[in-house]
C-alpha atoms as a PDB file:
ATOM      1  CA  GLN A   1      21.762   5.158   5.544  1.00  0.00           C
ATOM      2  CA  GLU A   2      18.743   6.465   3.761  1.00  0.00           C
ATOM      3  CA  GLN A   3      15.667   7.634   5.577  1.00  0.00           C
ATOM      4  CA  LEU A   4      12.175   7.363   4.191  1.00  0.00           C
ATOM      5  CA  VAL A   5       9.344   9.392   5.644  1.00  0.00           C
ATOM      6  CA  GLU A   6       5.860   8.379   4.614  1.00  0.00           C
ATOM      7  CA  SER A   7       2.699  10.404   4.889  1.00  0.00           C
ATOM      8  CA  GLY A   8      -0.902   9.969   3.906  1.00  0.00           C
ATOM      9  CA  GLY A   9      -3.062   6.945   4.338  1.00  0.00           C
ATOM     10  CA  GLY A  10      -6.181   6.680   6.415  1.00  0.00           C
ATOM     11  CA  LEU A  11      -9.668   5.297   6.163  1.00  0.00           C
ATOM     12  CA  VAL A  12     -12.065   5.789   3.281  1.00  0.00           C
ATOM     13  CA  GLN A  13     -15.229   4.223   2.004  1.00  0.00           C
ATOM     14  CA  PRO A  14     -15.218   1.938  -1.029  1.00  0.00           C
ATOM     15  CA  GLY A  15     -14.753   4.012  -4.132  1.00  0.00           C
ATOM     16  CA  GLY A  16     -12.854   6.661  -2.231  1.00  0.00           C
ATOM     17  CA  SER A  17      -9.340   7.944  -2.739  1.00  0.00           C
ATOM     18  CA  LEU A  18      -6.165   8.197  -0.751  1.00  0.00           C
ATOM     19  CA  THR A  19      -2.772   9.653  -1.493  1.00  0.00           C
ATOM     20  CA  LEU A  20       0.477   8.374  -0.050  1.00  0.00           C
ATOM     21  CA  SER A  21       3.749  10.246  -0.200  1.00  0.00           C
ATOM     22  CA  CYS A  22       7.279   9.229   0.648  1.00  0.00           C
ATOM     23  CA  ALA A  23      10.300  11.483   0.891  1.00  0.00           C
ATOM     24  CA  ALA A  24      13.786  10.040   0.822  1.00  0.00           C
ATOM     25  CA  SER A  25      16.822  11.644   2.397  1.00  0.00           C
ATOM     26  CA  GLY A  26      20.410  10.667   3.046  1.00  0.00           C
ATOM     27  CA  ASN A  27      23.740  10.528   1.317  1.00  0.00           C
ATOM     28  CA  GLY A  28      22.631   8.003  -1.239  1.00  0.00           C
ATOM     29  CA  VAL A  29      19.629   9.785  -2.690  1.00  0.00           C
ATOM     30  CA  ARG A  30      21.599  10.782  -5.763  1.00  0.00           C
ATOM     31  CA  ASN A  31      22.004   7.068  -6.507  1.00  0.00           C
ATOM     32  CA  ILE A  32      18.316   6.176  -6.285  1.00  0.00           C
ATOM     33  CA  TYR A  33      17.379   4.088  -9.281  1.00  0.00           C
ATOM     34  CA  ILE A  34      13.847   3.118  -8.331  1.00  0.00           C
ATOM     35  CA  MET A  35      11.093   4.281  -5.994  1.00  0.00           C
ATOM     36  CA  GLY A  36       7.836   2.554  -5.334  1.00  0.00           C
ATOM     37  CA  TRP A  37       5.176   1.196  -3.056  1.00  0.00           C
ATOM     38  CA  TYR A  38       4.486  -2.247  -1.718  1.00  0.00           C
ATOM     39  CA  ARG A  39       1.682  -3.390   0.521  1.00  0.00           C
ATOM     40  CA  GLN A  40       1.054  -6.154   2.972  1.00  0.00           C
ATOM     41  CA  ALA A  41      -2.422  -7.179   3.966  1.00  0.00           C
ATOM     42  CA  THR A  42      -3.087  -9.126   7.127  1.00  0.00           C
ATOM     43  CA  GLY A  43      -2.027 -12.717   6.695  1.00  0.00           C
ATOM     44  CA  LYS A  44      -0.530 -12.132   3.270  1.00  0.00           C
ATOM     45  CA  GLN A  45       2.905 -11.571   1.849  1.00  0.00           C
ATOM     46  CA  ARG A  46       4.175  -8.169   0.912  1.00  0.00           C
ATOM     47  CA  GLU A  47       3.457  -7.420  -2.723  1.00  0.00           C
ATOM     48  CA  LEU A  48       4.435  -4.803  -5.221  1.00  0.00           C
ATOM     49  CA  VAL A  49       1.816  -2.148  -5.856  1.00  0.00           C
ATOM     50  CA  ALA A  50       3.642   0.224  -8.164  1.00  0.00           C
ATOM     51  CA  GLU A  51       7.176   1.321  -8.864  1.00  0.00           C
ATOM     52  CA  LYS A  52       8.801   4.033 -10.921  1.00  0.00           C
ATOM     53  CA  PRO A  53      12.343   3.641 -12.246  1.00  0.00           C
ATOM     54  CA  GLN A  54      14.523   6.688 -12.797  1.00  0.00           C
ATOM     55  CA  ILE A  55      13.569   7.048 -16.452  1.00  0.00           C
ATOM     56  CA  ALA A  56      11.510   4.058 -17.560  1.00  0.00           C
ATOM     57  CA  ARG A  57       7.756   3.872 -17.380  1.00  0.00           C
ATOM     58  CA  PRO A  58       6.077   2.835 -14.144  1.00  0.00           C
ATOM     59  CA  LYS A  59       5.034  -0.683 -13.383  1.00  0.00           C
ATOM     60  CA  TYR A  60       1.764  -1.574 -11.656  1.00  0.00           C
ATOM     61  CA  ALA A  61       0.278  -4.647 -10.108  1.00  0.00           C
ATOM     62  CA  ASP A  62      -2.586  -5.913 -12.221  1.00  0.00           C
ATOM     63  CA  SER A  63      -4.974  -5.424  -9.320  1.00  0.00           C
ATOM     64  CA  VAL A  64      -4.397  -1.666  -9.216  1.00  0.00           C
ATOM     65  CA  LYS A  65      -3.968  -0.799 -12.879  1.00  0.00           C
ATOM     66  CA  ASP A  66      -6.230   2.032 -14.012  1.00  0.00           C
ATOM     67  CA  ARG A  67      -6.978   2.889 -10.375  1.00  0.00           C
ATOM     68  CA  PHE A  68      -3.615   3.833  -8.874  1.00  0.00           C
ATOM     69  CA  THR A  69      -1.089   6.276 -10.252  1.00  0.00           C
ATOM     70  CA  ILE A  70       2.512   6.587  -9.135  1.00  0.00           C
ATOM     71  CA  SER A  71       4.494   9.737  -9.661  1.00  0.00           C
ATOM     72  CA  ARG A  72       8.007  10.719  -8.798  1.00  0.00           C
ATOM     73  CA  ASP A  73       9.696  14.056  -8.235  1.00  0.00           C
ATOM     74  CA  ASN A  74      13.391  13.458  -8.614  1.00  0.00           C
ATOM     75  CA  THR A  75      14.266  16.985  -7.504  1.00  0.00           C
ATOM     76  CA  LYS A  76      12.676  16.296  -4.134  1.00  0.00           C
ATOM     77  CA  ASN A  77      13.347  12.551  -3.943  1.00  0.00           C
ATOM     78  CA  LEU A  78       9.626  12.152  -3.503  1.00  0.00           C
ATOM     79  CA  VAL A  79       7.342   9.378  -4.662  1.00  0.00           C
ATOM     80  CA  THR A  80       3.574   9.673  -4.497  1.00  0.00           C
ATOM     81  CA  LEU A  81       0.864   7.074  -4.931  1.00  0.00           C
ATOM     82  CA  HIS A  82      -2.598   8.286  -5.830  1.00  0.00           C
ATOM     83  CA  MET A  83      -5.143   5.589  -5.079  1.00  0.00           C
ATOM     84  CA  ASN A  84      -8.570   5.990  -6.608  1.00  0.00           C
ATOM     85  CA  ASN A  85     -11.657   3.811  -6.551  1.00  0.00           C
ATOM     86  CA  LEU A  86     -10.427   1.938  -3.532  1.00  0.00           C
ATOM     87  CA  LYS A  87     -11.877  -1.508  -3.096  1.00  0.00           C
ATOM     88  CA  PRO A  88     -12.411  -3.789  -0.101  1.00  0.00           C
ATOM     89  CA  GLU A  89      -9.360  -5.820  -1.182  1.00  0.00           C
ATOM     90  CA  ASP A  90      -7.042  -2.818  -1.003  1.00  0.00           C
ATOM     91  CA  PRO A  91      -6.664  -2.409   2.774  1.00  0.00           C
ATOM     92  CA  ALA A  92      -3.102  -3.062   3.832  1.00  0.00           C
ATOM     93  CA  VAL A  93      -0.031  -1.514   5.315  1.00  0.00           C
ATOM     94  CA  TYR A  94       1.618   0.347   2.482  1.00  0.00           C
ATOM     95  CA  TYR A  95       5.410   0.547   2.449  1.00  0.00           C
ATOM     96  CA  CYS A  96       7.568   2.935   0.520  1.00  0.00           C
ATOM     97  CA  HIS A  97      10.536   1.303  -1.160  1.00  0.00           C
ATOM     98  CA  VAL A  98      13.656   2.928  -2.521  1.00  0.00           C
ATOM     99  CA  GLY A  99      16.424   1.165  -4.368  1.00  0.00           C
ATOM    100  CA  VAL A 100      19.887   2.682  -4.323  1.00  0.00           C
ATOM    101  CA  ARG A 101      22.663   1.492  -6.597  1.00  0.00           C
ATOM    102  CA  VAL A 102      26.250   2.213  -5.608  1.00  0.00           C
ATOM    103  CA  LEU A 103      29.201   0.821  -7.560  1.00  0.00           C
ATOM    104  CA  GLY A 104      27.023  -1.940  -8.895  1.00  0.00           C
ATOM    105  CA  ASP A 105      25.626  -2.955  -5.526  1.00  0.00           C
ATOM    106  CA  GLU A 106      21.944  -2.467  -4.915  1.00  0.00           C
ATOM    107  CA  HIS A 107      20.509  -1.603  -1.538  1.00  0.00           C
ATOM    108  CA  ASP A 108      16.871  -1.603  -0.513  1.00  0.00           C
ATOM    109  CA  TYR A 109      15.340   0.818   1.924  1.00  0.00           C
ATOM    110  CA  TRP A 110      11.850   0.700   3.380  1.00  0.00           C
ATOM    111  CA  GLY A 111       9.543   3.155   5.033  1.00  0.00           C
ATOM    112  CA  GLN A 112       7.869   2.433   8.321  1.00  0.00           C
ATOM    113  CA  GLY A 113       4.548   1.650   6.683  1.00  0.00           C
ATOM    114  CA  THR A 114       1.290   3.526   6.599  1.00  0.00           C
ATOM    115  CA  HIS A 115      -2.210   2.129   6.765  1.00  0.00           C
ATOM    116  CA  GLY A 116      -4.639   2.358   3.927  1.00  0.00           C
ATOM    117  CA  ASN A 117      -8.057   1.147   5.012  1.00  0.00           C
ATOM    118  CA  VAL A 118     -11.330   0.793   3.191  1.00  0.00           C
ATOM    119  CA  SER A 119     -14.531   0.319   5.096  1.00  0.00           C
ATOM    120  CA  SER A 120     -18.164   1.130   4.611  1.00  0.00           C
END
C-alpha cells in the first residue's frame, strides 16, 4: 500500500502563486509510472490538472497551461505543482495521484487532498 503525503496549498489573492508537493512512499514506489495532480471544486467532478509520466513530457489541462508547472523528482518519489497567476476559477481541493504498474496491473493511489483557495 502506497502512502502519499501532500503539503502546500493555502489562500492567495488572484494572480498569486502556490506550490503543492506530494511525496510517495511504500513498497511499490519503484513501479510508479505516473505522478500528477487532480482537483475537485465544490459541486464539480474531479478533473486532471497536470500529470508527469516516468519519461514522457507532462500533460496539462487547457485551463492551467502556461500558468502551472509540474515537476517530478524520481529519486525522492516527489511530485510538485507550481501554480502561478491563480485565478478565481482555480480554487479546489487538489489531490495528488500516483499510478503504480505491477505485472501489467495498474493501481491508483490518492493523497488526502489539500486546499488551494483564491480570494481577494
